[in-house]
Protein backbone atom coordinates (compact mmCIF):
# COMPACT_ATOMS: atom_id res chain seq x y z
CA MET A 1 -6.77 3.94 46.28
CA ALA A 2 -7.15 0.50 48.05
CA SER A 3 -6.81 -2.56 45.31
CA PRO A 4 -7.36 -6.38 45.34
CA GLN A 5 -5.10 -8.16 47.73
CA SER A 6 -4.42 -10.40 45.14
CA SER A 7 -2.50 -7.75 42.99
CA VAL A 8 -0.52 -6.12 45.88
CA PRO A 9 3.09 -6.92 45.24
CA ARG A 10 5.31 -7.81 48.04
CA VAL A 11 7.13 -4.51 49.86
CA GLY A 12 10.39 -4.44 51.11
CA VAL A 13 13.27 -2.93 52.10
CA VAL A 14 16.98 -2.81 51.14
CA PHE A 15 19.70 -3.33 53.61
CA ARG A 16 22.49 -1.13 52.25
CA PRO A 17 25.85 -2.28 52.69
CA ARG A 18 27.63 -1.11 55.86
CA ALA A 19 28.46 -1.94 59.40
CA PRO A 20 27.44 -5.22 59.66
CA GLU A 21 26.46 -4.81 63.53
CA LYS A 22 23.88 -2.81 61.96
CA LEU A 23 21.46 -5.36 60.31
CA ALA A 24 20.22 -6.75 63.63
CA GLY A 25 18.20 -3.35 64.66
CA PHE A 26 17.14 -2.71 60.75
CA ALA A 27 15.95 -5.96 60.81
CA ALA A 28 13.82 -5.72 63.54
CA ILE A 29 12.16 -2.70 62.97
CA ALA A 30 11.63 -4.02 59.52
CA ASP A 31 9.81 -6.92 60.99
CA GLN A 32 7.54 -5.71 63.26
CA SER A 33 6.58 -3.26 60.77
CA GLY A 34 4.68 -6.19 58.79
CA LEU A 35 6.76 -5.70 55.46
CA ASP A 36 6.78 -8.59 53.56
CA ASP A 37 10.62 -8.43 52.94
CA ILE A 38 14.31 -7.24 53.45
CA TRP A 39 17.30 -7.43 50.99
CA LEU A 40 20.80 -7.64 51.17
CA TRP A 41 23.35 -7.28 48.50
CA GLU A 42 26.40 -8.85 48.44
CA ASP A 43 28.69 -6.42 47.11
CA CYS A 44 32.80 -6.33 47.56
CA PHE A 45 34.16 -6.09 49.75
CA LEU A 46 31.59 -5.95 52.35
CA GLU A 47 29.65 -8.46 54.36
CA GLY A 48 28.95 -11.62 53.03
CA GLY A 49 25.48 -11.96 51.85
CA LEU A 50 24.61 -15.46 52.99
CA THR A 51 26.19 -15.18 57.03
CA ALA A 52 24.07 -11.39 56.62
CA ALA A 53 21.03 -13.58 55.46
CA THR A 54 21.22 -16.38 58.27
CA ALA A 55 21.68 -13.33 61.18
CA ALA A 56 18.87 -11.62 59.43
CA LEU A 57 16.82 -14.83 59.41
CA ALA A 58 17.65 -15.86 62.94
CA TRP A 59 16.39 -12.53 64.55
CA THR A 60 13.63 -12.06 63.25
CA THR A 61 10.10 -14.19 62.71
CA SER A 62 7.96 -13.95 59.68
CA ILE A 63 9.74 -11.55 57.17
CA ARG A 64 11.11 -12.73 53.98
CA VAL A 65 15.45 -12.40 53.32
CA GLY A 66 15.93 -12.21 49.92
CA LEU A 67 19.98 -12.11 48.91
CA GLY A 68 20.57 -10.14 45.41
CA LEU A 69 22.81 -11.08 44.72
CA MET A 70 25.62 -14.08 44.97
CA PRO A 71 27.73 -13.91 42.10
CA ALA A 72 27.91 -17.39 40.39
CA PRO A 73 32.21 -17.24 40.04
CA PHE A 74 32.68 -16.38 43.82
CA ARG A 75 31.29 -19.91 44.63
CA ASN A 76 31.61 -23.53 43.45
CA ALA A 77 28.23 -25.25 42.40
CA ALA A 78 27.98 -27.95 44.79
CA LEU A 79 28.90 -25.39 47.96
CA GLY A 80 26.42 -22.86 47.01
CA ALA A 81 23.90 -25.47 46.98
CA MET A 82 24.84 -26.69 50.40
CA GLU A 83 24.33 -23.54 51.70
CA ILE A 84 21.07 -22.22 50.19
CA ALA A 85 19.57 -25.85 51.50
CA THR A 86 20.86 -25.30 54.92
CA LEU A 87 18.93 -21.96 55.06
CA ALA A 88 16.17 -23.32 53.43
CA ARG A 89 16.03 -26.01 55.85
CA LEU A 90 16.59 -23.80 58.55
CA PHE A 91 14.01 -20.95 57.95
CA PRO A 92 11.28 -23.02 55.01
CA GLY A 93 9.87 -20.28 52.77
CA ARG A 94 11.73 -17.03 53.95
CA PHE A 95 14.57 -17.22 51.90
CA VAL A 96 14.72 -16.18 48.37
CA PRO A 97 18.70 -16.72 46.85
CA VAL A 98 19.58 -15.02 43.72
CA THR A 99 22.61 -15.02 41.11
CA GLY A 100 24.29 -13.08 38.51
CA ASN A 101 27.50 -12.66 36.68
CA GLY A 102 28.69 -10.26 39.67
CA VAL A 103 30.50 -6.88 38.96
CA GLN A 104 33.33 -7.59 36.69
CA PRO A 105 35.73 -5.47 37.61
CA TRP A 106 35.33 -7.16 41.30
CA MET A 107 35.60 -10.39 39.74
CA GLN A 108 38.65 -9.54 37.84
CA GLN A 109 39.73 -8.05 41.57
CA THR A 110 39.39 -11.40 42.68
CA GLY A 111 41.16 -13.57 40.52
CA ALA A 112 37.05 -14.98 39.48
CA ALA A 113 36.04 -13.95 36.36
CA VAL A 114 35.79 -16.21 33.31
CA ALA A 115 35.77 -15.65 29.68
CA SER A 116 32.17 -16.29 29.42
CA PRO A 117 30.24 -15.11 32.24
CA LEU A 118 27.23 -16.14 30.39
CA THR A 119 28.01 -19.66 30.47
CA LEU A 120 29.28 -20.02 33.49
CA LEU A 121 26.26 -18.20 34.96
CA ARG A 122 24.00 -21.13 33.32
CA GLU A 123 25.87 -23.71 33.77
CA TRP A 124 26.12 -22.65 37.64
CA THR A 125 22.14 -21.79 37.95
CA THR A 126 20.92 -25.49 36.55
CA ALA A 127 23.57 -27.22 38.21
CA VAL A 128 22.29 -25.11 41.88
CA ARG A 129 18.57 -25.72 40.91
CA ALA A 130 18.58 -29.44 40.10
CA LEU A 131 20.18 -29.93 43.11
CA LEU A 132 18.11 -28.06 45.35
CA HIS A 133 15.28 -30.20 43.71
CA GLY A 134 16.58 -33.43 44.91
CA GLN A 135 18.76 -34.44 41.97
CA GLN A 136 21.91 -36.30 41.53
CA VAL A 137 23.80 -34.39 39.45
CA SER A 138 26.78 -35.28 36.53
CA VAL A 139 27.70 -32.49 34.33
CA SER A 140 31.20 -32.02 32.76
CA GLY A 141 30.68 -28.22 31.50
CA ASP A 142 32.99 -25.23 30.58
CA TYR A 143 33.25 -23.93 34.62
CA VAL A 144 30.79 -26.44 36.39
CA ARG A 145 32.24 -29.99 37.02
CA LEU A 146 29.96 -32.41 38.73
CA ALA A 147 30.59 -36.36 39.39
CA GLU A 148 26.85 -37.89 40.99
CA VAL A 149 26.73 -34.72 43.46
CA ALA A 150 23.41 -34.86 45.62
CA LEU A 151 22.20 -33.23 48.56
CA ASP A 152 21.94 -35.23 52.25
CA TRP A 153 19.27 -32.61 53.02
CA PRO A 154 17.75 -31.07 50.48
CA PRO A 155 15.27 -28.12 50.93
CA LEU A 156 12.07 -29.68 52.29
CA VAL A 157 10.15 -26.10 50.85
CA ILE A 158 11.78 -25.43 48.00
CA PRO A 159 13.05 -21.68 47.55
CA PRO A 160 12.77 -20.10 44.07
CA LEU A 161 16.37 -19.23 42.96
CA LEU A 162 16.87 -15.89 40.86
CA ILE A 163 18.87 -14.23 38.35
CA GLY A 164 19.64 -10.91 38.53
CA GLY A 165 20.21 -8.91 35.56
CA THR A 166 20.03 -6.59 32.92
CA GLY A 167 21.80 -7.41 29.42
CA PRO A 168 19.12 -9.22 27.43
CA ARG A 169 20.44 -12.38 26.94
CA THR A 170 20.86 -12.66 30.91
CA LEU A 171 16.86 -11.45 31.33
CA ALA A 172 16.37 -13.96 28.87
CA LEU A 173 18.33 -16.73 30.54
CA ALA A 174 16.72 -15.74 33.64
CA GLY A 175 13.16 -16.61 31.89
CA GLU A 176 14.16 -19.85 30.84
CA ILE A 177 15.78 -21.38 33.57
CA ALA A 178 15.47 -19.66 36.82
CA ASP A 179 12.32 -19.02 39.48
CA GLY A 180 12.44 -15.30 38.21
CA LEU A 181 13.82 -11.95 37.43
CA VAL A 182 16.02 -9.02 40.00
CA LEU A 183 16.44 -5.85 38.76
CA HIS A 184 18.56 -2.87 40.29
CA ALA A 185 17.30 0.06 41.36
CA GLY A 186 16.88 2.86 38.26
CA HIS A 187 14.56 0.90 35.70
CA SER A 188 11.56 3.36 35.39
CA PRO A 189 8.21 1.31 35.36
CA ASP A 190 8.34 1.27 31.58
CA GLU A 191 11.59 -0.49 31.49
CA VAL A 192 10.99 -3.01 34.25
CA ARG A 193 7.89 -3.55 31.77
CA ARG A 194 10.57 -4.22 28.70
CA ALA A 195 12.60 -6.43 30.76
CA ALA A 196 9.63 -8.55 31.45
CA GLU A 197 8.62 -9.55 28.06
CA THR A 198 12.47 -9.87 27.14
CA ALA A 199 12.56 -12.52 30.02
CA ALA A 200 9.28 -13.92 29.00
CA ILE A 201 8.30 -13.87 32.18
CA ARG A 202 5.68 -16.58 32.89
CA PRO A 203 2.93 -16.83 35.86
CA GLY A 204 4.70 -18.37 38.98
CA GLN A 205 7.86 -16.61 38.27
CA GLU A 206 9.06 -13.80 40.30
CA LEU A 207 10.09 -10.32 39.04
CA VAL A 208 11.72 -8.32 41.75
CA VAL A 209 12.25 -4.38 41.48
CA TYR A 210 14.58 -2.43 43.51
CA VAL A 211 13.28 0.99 43.80
CA THR A 212 15.43 4.09 45.14
CA GLN A 213 12.69 6.58 47.19
CA ALA A 214 13.37 9.28 49.81
CA SER A 215 12.48 8.65 53.26
CA ASP A 216 10.37 12.67 53.58
CA VAL A 217 7.51 11.96 51.39
CA THR A 218 4.31 10.65 52.09
CA ALA A 219 3.13 7.24 52.42
CA VAL A 220 0.30 8.00 49.70
CA ALA A 221 2.79 8.42 47.19
CA VAL A 222 5.18 5.68 48.00
CA ALA A 223 2.05 3.88 47.56
CA GLU A 224 1.55 5.05 43.60
CA VAL A 225 5.30 4.68 42.85
CA ILE A 226 4.70 1.05 44.24
CA ARG A 227 1.63 0.56 42.32
CA ALA A 228 3.20 1.57 39.44
CA PHE A 229 5.63 -0.69 38.95
CA ALA A 230 3.25 -3.71 40.27
CA ASP A 231 1.13 -2.51 37.29
CA ALA A 232 4.69 -3.16 35.03
CA GLY A 233 4.92 -6.41 36.20
CA ALA A 234 6.83 -6.69 39.40
CA THR A 235 5.85 -9.02 42.12
CA ALA A 236 7.97 -7.29 44.70
CA VAL A 237 9.05 -3.66 44.95
CA ILE A 238 12.19 -2.95 47.74
CA LEU A 239 12.32 0.33 48.35
CA GLN A 240 16.40 1.20 48.86
CA VAL A 241 17.33 4.67 50.32
CA THR A 242 18.16 7.43 47.55
CA GLU A 243 21.10 8.64 48.95
CA PRO A 244 23.88 5.96 50.39
CA ASP A 245 25.47 7.85 52.62
CA GLY A 246 22.43 9.20 54.42
CA ASP A 247 21.32 7.44 57.52
CA ASP A 248 17.45 7.07 57.18
CA ASP A 249 17.12 3.23 56.38
CA ASP A 250 15.00 2.72 59.41
CA ALA A 251 12.70 5.66 58.44
CA LEU A 252 12.57 4.17 55.11
CA ALA A 253 11.23 0.94 56.19
CA ALA A 254 8.62 2.61 58.49
CA LEU A 255 7.49 4.75 55.18
CA ALA A 256 7.43 1.46 52.95
CA ALA A 257 5.48 -0.08 55.65
CA ARG A 258 2.71 2.31 56.22
CA ALA A 259 2.43 2.38 52.12
CA ARG A 260 1.89 -1.18 51.93
CA ARG A 261 -0.77 -0.68 54.41
CA ILE A 262 -2.46 1.87 52.22
CA LEU A 263 -2.12 -0.33 48.47
CA ARG A 264 -3.72 -3.40 50.87
CA GLY A 265 -7.04 -0.88 51.86
CA GLU A 266 -5.88 -1.86 55.86
């Protein structure tokens, strides 16, 4: 069941939000197993996504770390660009930031909710992406207001800035102004295909899909699942444990690594 390497998606695992001190061991296992990616969440009110990403990058040597996602209402656009650029310079090519509207009840709970989340997401993504590309930005939007802002240390290797979401307008926005799209777990391959069509994902853009997966199945079966999502357009398939209260994350990382080797014919 080996396939051409060019058509094999990136394969990774999710570090579920839990006690931050558990990240070091998990990141080491994922890095040493040969997986492509670790992905982190920034759910309220658990660990901070950027601080966790910094630690994961520092504790590993080659694996890519994705943060899906940072709620745009939480961060000033200039600060977001500064933080992303710093990680991109410290760990070139290994950090993938994702932004989105955030969970609206959480945004309301923190006082960060806005009247038009989609307007904020458009303004935030456009400004941050321009700053990461070394541009000076002056904008007076409904939510993002910057006056002649430019990064002193823009990334030497510019990271892709993705958008996470599921609604049709958010999907379309991701395809229009971002470097790709992230879909949360629960989508079937057919739904992923339709989302990619709605977003009008183009060659060069990423389509990252989270997929729930039990850790007590064979690597061959997992490889078949990954292949189905890749055939639907996913460029990265990120596995997360089926039972959120379980303790089988490490086992899933090992299983994902074996499935990846099968897909690559190794």
